[in-house]
Amino acid sequence: MSFIIVGRVHKAHGIRGEVVVEVITDAPDAVFASGHRVFAGNVNGDITPARTELHVRSARPFNDGLLVAFDEVPDRNGAELWRGRYLLVPSGELPPPGDDEVYLHDLVGMRVDLHSGETVGTVDELYELPQGLALDVRRAVPRNAETVILLYDDTTIQSVDKESRVIVVTPPDGLLE
């Protein structure tokens, strides 16, 4: 069974065991609905060996995320233990991404090509920046740098082929020189 990251605990909030969660799903109302379960992940986003389940007691909007209370986290001391950890759900419990959508974790390892067919490299890492999602691409042929950062936006990304695992890009002029 594969798991999909749906959130990340930033910190404890208050004394009743609530945590501030960064939402990493397009369906937060469904995933974090009262009574639903999520699985505990570690700080790397991997499922814990014990496959610990957390049951949502309540969730409400808070800043750019959610304040979530879990049945298994009774107080602030318990909530502090979750700082920096990811929350996951089984992939079968989420609707599959649409034709024009992709799970973020699926981008890592994809080949990045120019529209001309020339290979730029492979997606090594993802970063959430104020400008949006950025791809750290390890260059196939290192030039001035071994990696290059490309924004994952409509200007730069021309297409993503999930089957062949290829992203076609049009980077800003001079970026790859």
N, C-alpha and C. Protein backbone atom coordinates (compact mmCIF):
# COMPACT_ATOMS: atom_id res chain seq x y z
N MET A 1 0.85 -1.17 0.00
CA MET A 1 0.00 0.00 0.00
C MET A 1 0.90 1.23 0.00
N SER A 2 0.63 2.17 -0.90
CA SER A 2 1.41 3.41 -0.94
C SER A 2 0.64 4.52 -0.22
N PHE A 3 1.39 5.47 0.28
CA PHE A 3 0.81 6.57 1.05
C PHE A 3 1.14 7.90 0.39
N ILE A 4 0.22 8.84 0.52
CA ILE A 4 0.38 10.18 -0.04
C ILE A 4 0.43 11.19 1.10
N ILE A 5 1.39 12.10 1.03
CA ILE A 5 1.49 13.16 2.04
C ILE A 5 0.34 14.14 1.84
N VAL A 6 -0.38 14.44 2.93
CA VAL A 6 -1.50 15.37 2.85
C VAL A 6 -1.31 16.58 3.76
N GLY A 7 -0.30 16.54 4.61
CA GLY A 7 -0.06 17.67 5.50
C GLY A 7 1.24 17.52 6.26
N ARG A 8 1.63 18.62 6.88
CA ARG A 8 2.85 18.62 7.69
C ARG A 8 2.56 19.43 8.94
N VAL A 9 2.87 18.87 10.10
CA VAL A 9 2.66 19.56 11.37
C VAL A 9 3.77 20.58 11.57
N HIS A 10 3.36 21.85 11.72
CA HIS A 10 4.36 22.90 11.97
C HIS A 10 4.71 23.01 13.44
N LYS A 11 3.66 23.06 14.30
CA LYS A 11 3.93 23.25 15.72
C LYS A 11 2.67 22.97 16.52
N ALA A 12 2.86 22.89 17.83
CA ALA A 12 1.73 22.77 18.75
C ALA A 12 1.07 24.15 18.88
N HIS A 13 -0.22 24.13 19.21
CA HIS A 13 -0.96 25.38 19.39
C HIS A 13 -1.85 25.26 20.62
N GLY A 14 -1.65 26.14 21.59
CA GLY A 14 -2.48 26.11 22.79
C GLY A 14 -2.14 24.95 23.69
N ILE A 15 -3.04 24.69 24.65
CA ILE A 15 -2.77 23.67 25.66
C ILE A 15 -3.62 22.42 25.50
N ARG A 16 -4.53 22.40 24.51
CA ARG A 16 -5.47 21.28 24.35
C ARG A 16 -5.02 20.24 23.33
N GLY A 17 -3.78 20.31 22.87
CA GLY A 17 -3.27 19.29 21.97
C GLY A 17 -3.46 19.58 20.49
N GLU A 18 -3.92 20.78 20.15
CA GLU A 18 -4.06 21.11 18.73
C GLU A 18 -2.69 21.34 18.10
N VAL A 19 -2.62 21.08 16.79
CA VAL A 19 -1.40 21.34 16.04
C VAL A 19 -1.72 22.19 14.82
N VAL A 20 -0.76 22.99 14.42
CA VAL A 20 -0.89 23.79 13.20
C VAL A 20 -0.39 22.92 12.05
N VAL A 21 -1.26 22.70 11.06
CA VAL A 21 -0.94 21.81 9.94
C VAL A 21 -0.87 22.61 8.64
N GLU A 22 0.26 22.44 7.93
CA GLU A 22 0.38 22.93 6.56
C GLU A 22 -0.32 21.91 5.68
N VAL A 23 -1.31 22.37 4.95
CA VAL A 23 -2.10 21.47 4.11
C VAL A 23 -1.36 21.21 2.81
N ILE A 24 -1.23 19.92 2.45
CA ILE A 24 -0.57 19.52 1.20
C ILE A 24 -1.53 18.60 0.44
N THR A 25 -2.74 19.08 0.23
CA THR A 25 -3.75 18.34 -0.51
C THR A 25 -4.75 19.33 -1.07
N ASP A 26 -5.37 18.95 -2.17
CA ASP A 26 -6.41 19.79 -2.76
C ASP A 26 -7.77 19.55 -2.10
N ALA A 27 -7.84 18.58 -1.20
CA ALA A 27 -9.12 18.24 -0.56
C ALA A 27 -8.99 18.26 0.96
N PRO A 28 -8.59 19.38 1.56
CA PRO A 28 -8.40 19.40 3.01
C PRO A 28 -9.68 19.17 3.80
N ASP A 29 -10.82 19.63 3.27
CA ASP A 29 -12.08 19.44 3.99
C ASP A 29 -12.45 17.97 4.11
N ALA A 30 -12.09 17.18 3.13
CA ALA A 30 -12.37 15.75 3.18
C ALA A 30 -11.33 15.01 4.01
N VAL A 31 -10.06 15.30 3.78
CA VAL A 31 -8.98 14.59 4.46
C VAL A 31 -8.99 14.85 5.96
N PHE A 32 -9.24 16.12 6.35
CA PHE A 32 -9.18 16.49 7.76
C PHE A 32 -10.57 16.67 8.37
N ALA A 33 -11.55 15.95 7.84
CA ALA A 33 -12.91 15.99 8.40
C ALA A 33 -12.93 15.20 9.71
N SER A 34 -13.76 15.64 10.62
CA SER A 34 -13.91 14.96 11.91
C SER A 34 -14.21 13.48 11.71
N GLY A 35 -13.46 12.63 12.42
CA GLY A 35 -13.65 11.19 12.33
C GLY A 35 -12.74 10.51 11.32
N HIS A 36 -12.16 11.26 10.40
CA HIS A 36 -11.26 10.65 9.41
C HIS A 36 -9.92 10.34 10.06
N ARG A 37 -9.18 9.44 9.43
CA ARG A 37 -7.88 9.06 9.95
C ARG A 37 -6.79 9.49 8.99
N VAL A 38 -5.66 9.77 9.56
CA VAL A 38 -4.43 9.98 8.80
C VAL A 38 -3.38 9.12 9.47
N PHE A 39 -2.31 8.87 8.77
CA PHE A 39 -1.22 8.08 9.32
C PHE A 39 -0.04 8.97 9.63
N ALA A 40 0.66 8.63 10.68
CA ALA A 40 1.82 9.40 11.08
C ALA A 40 2.99 9.11 10.15
N GLY A 41 3.63 10.16 9.74
CA GLY A 41 4.86 10.05 8.98
C GLY A 41 6.00 10.62 9.80
N ASN A 42 7.20 10.39 9.34
CA ASN A 42 8.35 10.98 10.03
C ASN A 42 8.69 12.33 9.41
N VAL A 43 9.81 12.92 9.80
CA VAL A 43 10.19 14.24 9.30
C VAL A 43 10.65 14.18 7.84
N ASN A 44 10.88 12.98 7.30
CA ASN A 44 11.26 12.84 5.89
C ASN A 44 10.06 12.56 4.99
N GLY A 45 8.87 12.39 5.58
CA GLY A 45 7.68 12.13 4.79
C GLY A 45 7.39 10.66 4.58
N ASP A 46 8.14 9.79 5.24
CA ASP A 46 7.92 8.35 5.12
C ASP A 46 6.96 7.89 6.22
N ILE A 47 6.19 6.86 5.93
CA ILE A 47 5.27 6.29 6.92
C ILE A 47 6.09 5.71 8.06
N THR A 48 5.60 5.85 9.28
CA THR A 48 6.33 5.27 10.42
C THR A 48 6.18 3.75 10.39
N PRO A 49 7.17 3.02 10.88
CA PRO A 49 7.10 1.55 10.86
C PRO A 49 5.87 1.01 11.59
N ALA A 50 5.41 1.69 12.63
CA ALA A 50 4.25 1.23 13.39
C ALA A 50 2.93 1.57 12.70
N ARG A 51 3.00 2.37 11.61
CA ARG A 51 1.80 2.81 10.89
C ARG A 51 0.76 3.39 11.87
N THR A 52 1.23 4.31 12.69
CA THR A 52 0.39 4.94 13.70
C THR A 52 -0.73 5.74 13.05
N GLU A 53 -1.96 5.46 13.49
CA GLU A 53 -3.12 6.18 12.99
C GLU A 53 -3.48 7.31 13.94
N LEU A 54 -3.87 8.44 13.36
CA LEU A 54 -4.39 9.56 14.13
C LEU A 54 -5.80 9.84 13.62
N HIS A 55 -6.74 10.01 14.53
CA HIS A 55 -8.13 10.26 14.16
C HIS A 55 -8.48 11.72 14.42
N VAL A 56 -8.96 12.39 13.39
CA VAL A 56 -9.26 13.81 13.47
C VAL A 56 -10.47 14.02 14.39
N ARG A 57 -10.25 14.79 15.45
CA ARG A 57 -11.35 15.18 16.33
C ARG A 57 -12.02 16.46 15.81
N SER A 58 -11.18 17.40 15.37
CA SER A 58 -11.70 18.65 14.81
C SER A 58 -10.62 19.31 13.98
N ALA A 59 -11.06 20.16 13.06
CA ALA A 59 -10.13 20.94 12.23
C ALA A 59 -10.82 22.24 11.87
N ARG A 60 -10.04 23.31 11.88
CA ARG A 60 -10.58 24.61 11.50
C ARG A 60 -9.49 25.44 10.84
N PRO A 61 -9.88 26.36 9.96
CA PRO A 61 -8.89 27.19 9.28
C PRO A 61 -8.05 28.00 10.27
N PHE A 62 -6.78 28.14 9.94
CA PHE A 62 -5.87 28.93 10.77
C PHE A 62 -4.75 29.45 9.88
N ASN A 63 -4.67 30.76 9.73
CA ASN A 63 -3.69 31.39 8.84
C ASN A 63 -3.77 30.72 7.46
N ASP A 64 -2.66 30.16 6.97
CA ASP A 64 -2.66 29.50 5.65
C ASP A 64 -2.84 27.99 5.77
N GLY A 65 -3.22 27.50 6.93
CA GLY A 65 -3.37 26.06 7.12
C GLY A 65 -4.58 25.73 7.96
N LEU A 66 -4.40 24.75 8.82
CA LEU A 66 -5.49 24.29 9.69
C LEU A 66 -4.98 24.12 11.11
N LEU A 67 -5.88 24.30 12.08
CA LEU A 67 -5.64 23.86 13.44
C LEU A 67 -6.37 22.54 13.57
N VAL A 68 -5.63 21.48 13.87
CA VAL A 68 -6.22 20.15 13.92
C VAL A 68 -6.02 19.55 15.31
N ALA A 69 -7.09 18.94 15.82
CA ALA A 69 -7.02 18.19 17.07
C ALA A 69 -7.23 16.71 16.73
N PHE A 70 -6.38 15.87 17.28
CA PHE A 70 -6.48 14.42 17.07
C PHE A 70 -6.87 13.75 18.39
N ASP A 71 -7.66 12.70 18.31
CA ASP A 71 -8.07 11.95 19.49
C ASP A 71 -6.87 11.44 20.27
N GLU A 72 -5.80 11.09 19.58
CA GLU A 72 -4.62 10.48 20.21
C GLU A 72 -3.65 11.50 20.80
N VAL A 73 -3.92 12.80 20.65
CA VAL A 73 -3.03 13.84 21.15
C VAL A 73 -3.80 14.68 22.17
N PRO A 74 -3.66 14.35 23.47
CA PRO A 74 -4.51 14.96 24.49
C PRO A 74 -4.12 16.36 24.96
N ASP A 75 -2.82 16.72 24.82
CA ASP A 75 -2.39 18.00 25.39
C ASP A 75 -1.19 18.56 24.62
N ARG A 76 -0.73 19.71 25.06
CA ARG A 76 0.38 20.37 24.38
C ARG A 76 1.64 19.52 24.37
N ASN A 77 1.93 18.85 25.47
CA ASN A 77 3.13 18.00 25.53
C ASN A 77 3.09 16.94 24.44
N GLY A 78 1.93 16.33 24.27
CA GLY A 78 1.78 15.33 23.20
C GLY A 78 1.88 15.96 21.82
N ALA A 79 1.32 17.16 21.67
CA ALA A 79 1.34 17.85 20.38
C ALA A 79 2.76 18.25 19.98
N GLU A 80 3.58 18.60 20.95
CA GLU A 80 4.97 19.00 20.66
C GLU A 80 5.75 17.87 19.99
N LEU A 81 5.40 16.63 20.27
CA LEU A 81 6.10 15.48 19.69
C LEU A 81 5.87 15.35 18.19
N TRP A 82 4.84 16.03 17.66
CA TRP A 82 4.50 15.90 16.25
C TRP A 82 5.13 16.98 15.39
N ARG A 83 5.79 17.95 15.97
CA ARG A 83 6.40 19.06 15.23
C ARG A 83 7.30 18.55 14.10
N GLY A 84 7.04 19.07 12.89
CA GLY A 84 7.88 18.73 11.74
C GLY A 84 7.54 17.41 11.06
N ARG A 85 6.59 16.67 11.58
CA ARG A 85 6.25 15.36 11.00
C ARG A 85 5.15 15.50 9.96
N TYR A 86 5.16 14.58 9.02
CA TYR A 86 4.18 14.58 7.95
C TYR A 86 2.98 13.72 8.30
N LEU A 87 1.87 14.03 7.65
CA LEU A 87 0.63 13.26 7.80
C LEU A 87 0.31 12.66 6.44
N LEU A 88 -0.05 11.39 6.41
CA LEU A 88 -0.26 10.68 5.16
C LEU A 88 -1.60 9.94 5.17
N VAL A 89 -2.09 9.63 3.97
CA VAL A 89 -3.26 8.77 3.81
C VAL A 89 -2.94 7.74 2.73
N PRO A 90 -3.57 6.58 2.78
CA PRO A 90 -3.35 5.59 1.72
C PRO A 90 -3.80 6.18 0.37
N SER A 91 -3.02 5.91 -0.66
CA SER A 91 -3.33 6.48 -1.98
C SER A 91 -4.70 6.07 -2.48
N GLY A 92 -5.17 4.90 -2.09
CA GLY A 92 -6.48 4.42 -2.53
C GLY A 92 -7.64 5.20 -1.93
N GLU A 93 -7.38 5.98 -0.89
CA GLU A 93 -8.43 6.77 -0.25
C GLU A 93 -8.56 8.16 -0.85
N LEU A 94 -7.70 8.49 -1.79
CA LEU A 94 -7.77 9.79 -2.46
C LEU A 94 -8.17 9.58 -3.91
N PRO A 95 -8.90 10.54 -4.47
CA PRO A 95 -9.19 10.42 -5.89
C PRO A 95 -7.89 10.56 -6.68
N PRO A 96 -7.74 9.83 -7.79
CA PRO A 96 -6.51 9.95 -8.57
C PRO A 96 -6.41 11.35 -9.15
N PRO A 97 -5.19 11.83 -9.38
CA PRO A 97 -5.04 13.15 -9.96
C PRO A 97 -5.63 13.18 -11.37
N GLY A 98 -6.15 14.33 -11.75
CA GLY A 98 -6.71 14.50 -13.09
C GLY A 98 -5.64 14.44 -14.15
N ASP A 99 -6.06 14.49 -15.41
CA ASP A 99 -5.12 14.41 -16.52
C ASP A 99 -4.09 15.54 -16.49
N ASP A 100 -4.49 16.70 -16.00
CA ASP A 100 -3.58 17.85 -15.95
C ASP A 100 -3.00 18.06 -14.56
N GLU A 101 -3.06 17.03 -13.70
CA GLU A 101 -2.55 17.12 -12.33
C GLU A 101 -1.53 16.01 -12.09
N VAL A 102 -0.69 16.24 -11.09
CA VAL A 102 0.30 15.24 -10.70
C VAL A 102 0.56 15.40 -9.20
N TYR A 103 0.78 14.27 -8.52
CA TYR A 103 1.19 14.35 -7.13
C TYR A 103 2.60 14.93 -7.09
N LEU A 104 2.85 15.81 -6.12
CA LEU A 104 4.16 16.45 -6.02
C LEU A 104 5.28 15.42 -5.89
N HIS A 105 5.07 14.39 -5.10
CA HIS A 105 6.15 13.41 -4.90
C HIS A 105 6.47 12.67 -6.20
N ASP A 106 5.53 12.64 -7.15
CA ASP A 106 5.80 11.98 -8.43
C ASP A 106 6.75 12.79 -9.31
N LEU A 107 6.91 14.08 -9.02
CA LEU A 107 7.81 14.91 -9.83
C LEU A 107 9.27 14.56 -9.60
N VAL A 108 9.60 14.15 -8.38
CA VAL A 108 10.99 13.81 -8.06
C VAL A 108 11.40 12.60 -8.89
N GLY A 109 12.52 12.73 -9.57
CA GLY A 109 13.04 11.67 -10.42
C GLY A 109 12.62 11.78 -11.88
N MET A 110 11.68 12.70 -12.18
CA MET A 110 11.28 12.86 -13.59
C MET A 110 12.39 13.54 -14.38
N ARG A 111 12.51 13.14 -15.65
CA ARG A 111 13.46 13.76 -16.56
C ARG A 111 12.90 15.10 -17.00
N VAL A 112 13.77 16.08 -17.15
CA VAL A 112 13.37 17.41 -17.60
C VAL A 112 14.04 17.67 -18.95
N ASP A 113 13.21 17.93 -19.96
CA ASP A 113 13.69 18.19 -21.32
C ASP A 113 13.27 19.57 -21.78
N LEU A 114 14.06 20.12 -22.69
CA LEU A 114 13.65 21.33 -23.39
C LEU A 114 12.67 20.94 -24.48
N HIS A 115 11.93 21.91 -25.00
CA HIS A 115 10.98 21.64 -26.08
C HIS A 115 11.68 21.03 -27.30
N SER A 116 12.96 21.36 -27.47
CA SER A 116 13.74 20.84 -28.60
C SER A 116 14.08 19.36 -28.44
N GLY A 117 13.88 18.81 -27.22
CA GLY A 117 14.22 17.41 -26.97
C GLY A 117 15.51 17.24 -26.19
N GLU A 118 16.29 18.31 -26.05
CA GLU A 118 17.54 18.23 -25.29
C GLU A 118 17.22 18.03 -23.81
N THR A 119 17.94 17.09 -23.18
CA THR A 119 17.71 16.81 -21.77
C THR A 119 18.43 17.83 -20.90
N VAL A 120 17.68 18.42 -19.96
CA VAL A 120 18.25 19.36 -19.00
C VAL A 120 18.81 18.58 -17.82
N GLY A 121 18.03 17.63 -17.32
CA GLY A 121 18.46 16.85 -16.16
C GLY A 121 17.29 16.10 -15.55
N THR A 122 17.39 15.88 -14.24
CA THR A 122 16.39 15.12 -13.49
C THR A 122 15.99 15.90 -12.25
N VAL A 123 14.68 15.89 -11.93
CA VAL A 123 14.21 16.59 -10.73
C VAL A 123 14.78 15.88 -9.51
N ASP A 124 15.54 16.64 -8.73
CA ASP A 124 16.23 16.11 -7.56
C ASP A 124 15.46 16.43 -6.27
N GLU A 125 14.80 17.59 -6.25
CA GLU A 125 14.17 18.08 -5.02
C GLU A 125 13.09 19.08 -5.38
N LEU A 126 12.15 19.30 -4.46
CA LEU A 126 11.10 20.30 -4.62
C LEU A 126 11.21 21.31 -3.49
N TYR A 127 10.91 22.57 -3.79
CA TYR A 127 10.92 23.61 -2.77
C TYR A 127 9.66 24.44 -2.88
N GLU A 128 9.06 24.73 -1.73
CA GLU A 128 7.93 25.65 -1.68
C GLU A 128 8.50 27.03 -1.41
N LEU A 129 8.45 27.90 -2.38
CA LEU A 129 8.95 29.26 -2.26
C LEU A 129 7.78 30.23 -2.25
N PRO A 130 7.99 31.47 -1.83
CA PRO A 130 6.91 32.45 -1.89
C PRO A 130 6.34 32.61 -3.32
N GLN A 131 7.17 32.39 -4.33
CA GLN A 131 6.75 32.50 -5.73
C GLN A 131 5.98 31.27 -6.18
N GLY A 132 6.00 30.20 -5.38
CA GLY A 132 5.34 28.95 -5.75
C GLY A 132 6.31 27.79 -5.69
N LEU A 133 5.89 26.68 -6.25
CA LEU A 133 6.70 25.48 -6.25
C LEU A 133 7.89 25.64 -7.19
N ALA A 134 9.05 25.16 -6.74
CA ALA A 134 10.26 25.20 -7.57
C ALA A 134 10.87 23.81 -7.64
N LEU A 135 11.40 23.47 -8.81
CA LEU A 135 12.05 22.19 -9.03
C LEU A 135 13.56 22.40 -9.01
N ASP A 136 14.26 21.61 -8.23
CA ASP A 136 15.72 21.62 -8.24
C ASP A 136 16.12 20.50 -9.19
N VAL A 137 16.66 20.87 -10.34
CA VAL A 137 16.97 19.91 -11.40
C VAL A 137 18.47 19.67 -11.46
N ARG A 138 18.86 18.40 -11.24
CA ARG A 138 20.27 18.02 -11.37
C ARG A 138 20.59 17.94 -12.84
N ARG A 139 21.56 18.75 -13.28
CA ARG A 139 21.90 18.86 -14.70
C ARG A 139 22.47 17.55 -15.24
N ALA A 140 22.03 17.19 -16.44
CA ALA A 140 22.56 16.00 -17.11
C ALA A 140 24.02 16.23 -17.49
N VAL A 141 24.32 17.44 -17.94
CA VAL A 141 25.68 17.84 -18.28
C VAL A 141 25.96 19.12 -17.49
N PRO A 142 26.67 19.00 -16.35
CA PRO A 142 26.93 20.20 -15.54
C PRO A 142 27.67 21.27 -16.33
N ARG A 143 27.18 22.49 -16.20
CA ARG A 143 27.84 23.62 -16.85
C ARG A 143 28.36 24.53 -15.75
N ASN A 144 27.73 25.67 -15.52
CA ASN A 144 28.16 26.57 -14.46
C ASN A 144 27.75 26.04 -13.08
N ALA A 145 26.72 25.24 -13.04
CA ALA A 145 26.25 24.69 -11.78
C ALA A 145 25.76 23.27 -12.02
N GLU A 146 25.80 22.46 -10.97
CA GLU A 146 25.35 21.08 -11.10
C GLU A 146 23.84 20.97 -11.07
N THR A 147 23.17 21.98 -10.49
CA THR A 147 21.71 21.99 -10.46
C THR A 147 21.21 23.36 -10.93
N VAL A 148 19.94 23.38 -11.31
CA VAL A 148 19.29 24.62 -11.70
C VAL A 148 17.87 24.59 -11.12
N ILE A 149 17.40 25.73 -10.67
CA ILE A 149 16.06 25.85 -10.09
C ILE A 149 15.10 26.36 -11.16
N LEU A 150 14.00 25.63 -11.36
CA LEU A 150 12.96 26.03 -12.31
C LEU A 150 11.64 26.18 -11.57
N LEU A 151 10.95 27.28 -11.79
CA LEU A 151 9.63 27.44 -11.20
C LEU A 151 8.64 26.52 -11.88
N TYR A 152 7.78 25.94 -11.10
CA TYR A 152 6.72 25.07 -11.63
C TYR A 152 5.51 25.97 -11.86
N ASP A 153 5.53 26.67 -13.00
CA ASP A 153 4.45 27.59 -13.34
C ASP A 153 4.09 27.44 -14.81
N ASP A 154 3.02 28.12 -15.23
CA ASP A 154 2.54 28.00 -16.61
C ASP A 154 3.52 28.55 -17.63
N THR A 155 4.40 29.44 -17.23
CA THR A 155 5.37 30.02 -18.15
C THR A 155 6.52 29.04 -18.42
N THR A 156 6.96 28.34 -17.40
CA THR A 156 8.13 27.47 -17.52
C THR A 156 7.76 26.04 -17.91
N ILE A 157 6.73 25.49 -17.32
CA ILE A 157 6.35 24.08 -17.56
C ILE A 157 5.40 24.02 -18.74
N GLN A 158 5.82 23.35 -19.79
CA GLN A 158 4.99 23.20 -20.99
C GLN A 158 4.09 21.96 -20.90
N SER A 159 4.65 20.87 -20.39
CA SER A 159 3.86 19.64 -20.24
C SER A 159 4.53 18.71 -19.25
N VAL A 160 3.68 17.84 -18.66
CA VAL A 160 4.17 16.79 -17.76
C VAL A 160 3.55 15.49 -18.24
N ASP A 161 4.39 14.57 -18.69
CA ASP A 161 3.92 13.26 -19.14
C ASP A 161 4.16 12.28 -18.00
N LYS A 162 3.08 11.93 -17.29
CA LYS A 162 3.20 11.05 -16.13
C LYS A 162 3.64 9.65 -16.52
N GLU A 163 3.20 9.18 -17.69
CA GLU A 163 3.53 7.82 -18.12
C GLU A 163 5.01 7.67 -18.43
N SER A 164 5.56 8.59 -19.23
CA SER A 164 6.98 8.49 -19.59
C SER A 164 7.88 9.21 -18.60
N ARG A 165 7.27 9.90 -17.60
CA ARG A 165 7.99 10.62 -16.55
C ARG A 165 8.93 11.68 -17.12
N VAL A 166 8.35 12.51 -17.99
CA VAL A 166 9.13 13.59 -18.62
C VAL A 166 8.39 14.91 -18.45
N ILE A 167 9.14 15.92 -18.04
CA ILE A 167 8.62 17.29 -17.95
C ILE A 167 9.29 18.09 -19.05
N VAL A 168 8.49 18.75 -19.89
CA VAL A 168 9.02 19.60 -20.95
C VAL A 168 8.94 21.04 -20.46
N VAL A 169 10.08 21.76 -20.54
CA VAL A 169 10.15 23.11 -20.00
C VAL A 169 10.62 24.12 -21.03
N THR A 170 10.26 25.36 -20.79
CA THR A 170 10.79 26.51 -21.52
C THR A 170 11.33 27.47 -20.46
N PRO A 171 12.61 27.32 -20.11
CA PRO A 171 13.17 28.15 -19.05
C PRO A 171 13.38 29.58 -19.51
N PRO A 172 13.50 30.52 -18.55
CA PRO A 172 13.79 31.90 -18.92
C PRO A 172 15.11 31.98 -19.69
N ASP A 173 15.20 32.93 -20.60
CA ASP A 173 16.41 33.11 -21.41
C ASP A 173 17.64 33.26 -20.52
N GLY A 174 18.70 32.53 -20.86
CA GLY A 174 19.96 32.61 -20.17
C GLY A 174 20.09 31.76 -18.92
N LEU A 175 19.01 31.16 -18.44
CA LEU A 175 19.07 30.40 -17.20
C LEU A 175 19.96 29.17 -17.30
N LEU A 176 19.96 28.53 -18.44
CA LEU A 176 20.72 27.29 -18.56
C LEU A 176 22.13 27.48 -19.13
N GLU A 177 22.50 28.69 -19.35
CA GLU A 177 23.84 28.95 -19.93
C GLU A 177 24.92 29.04 -18.90
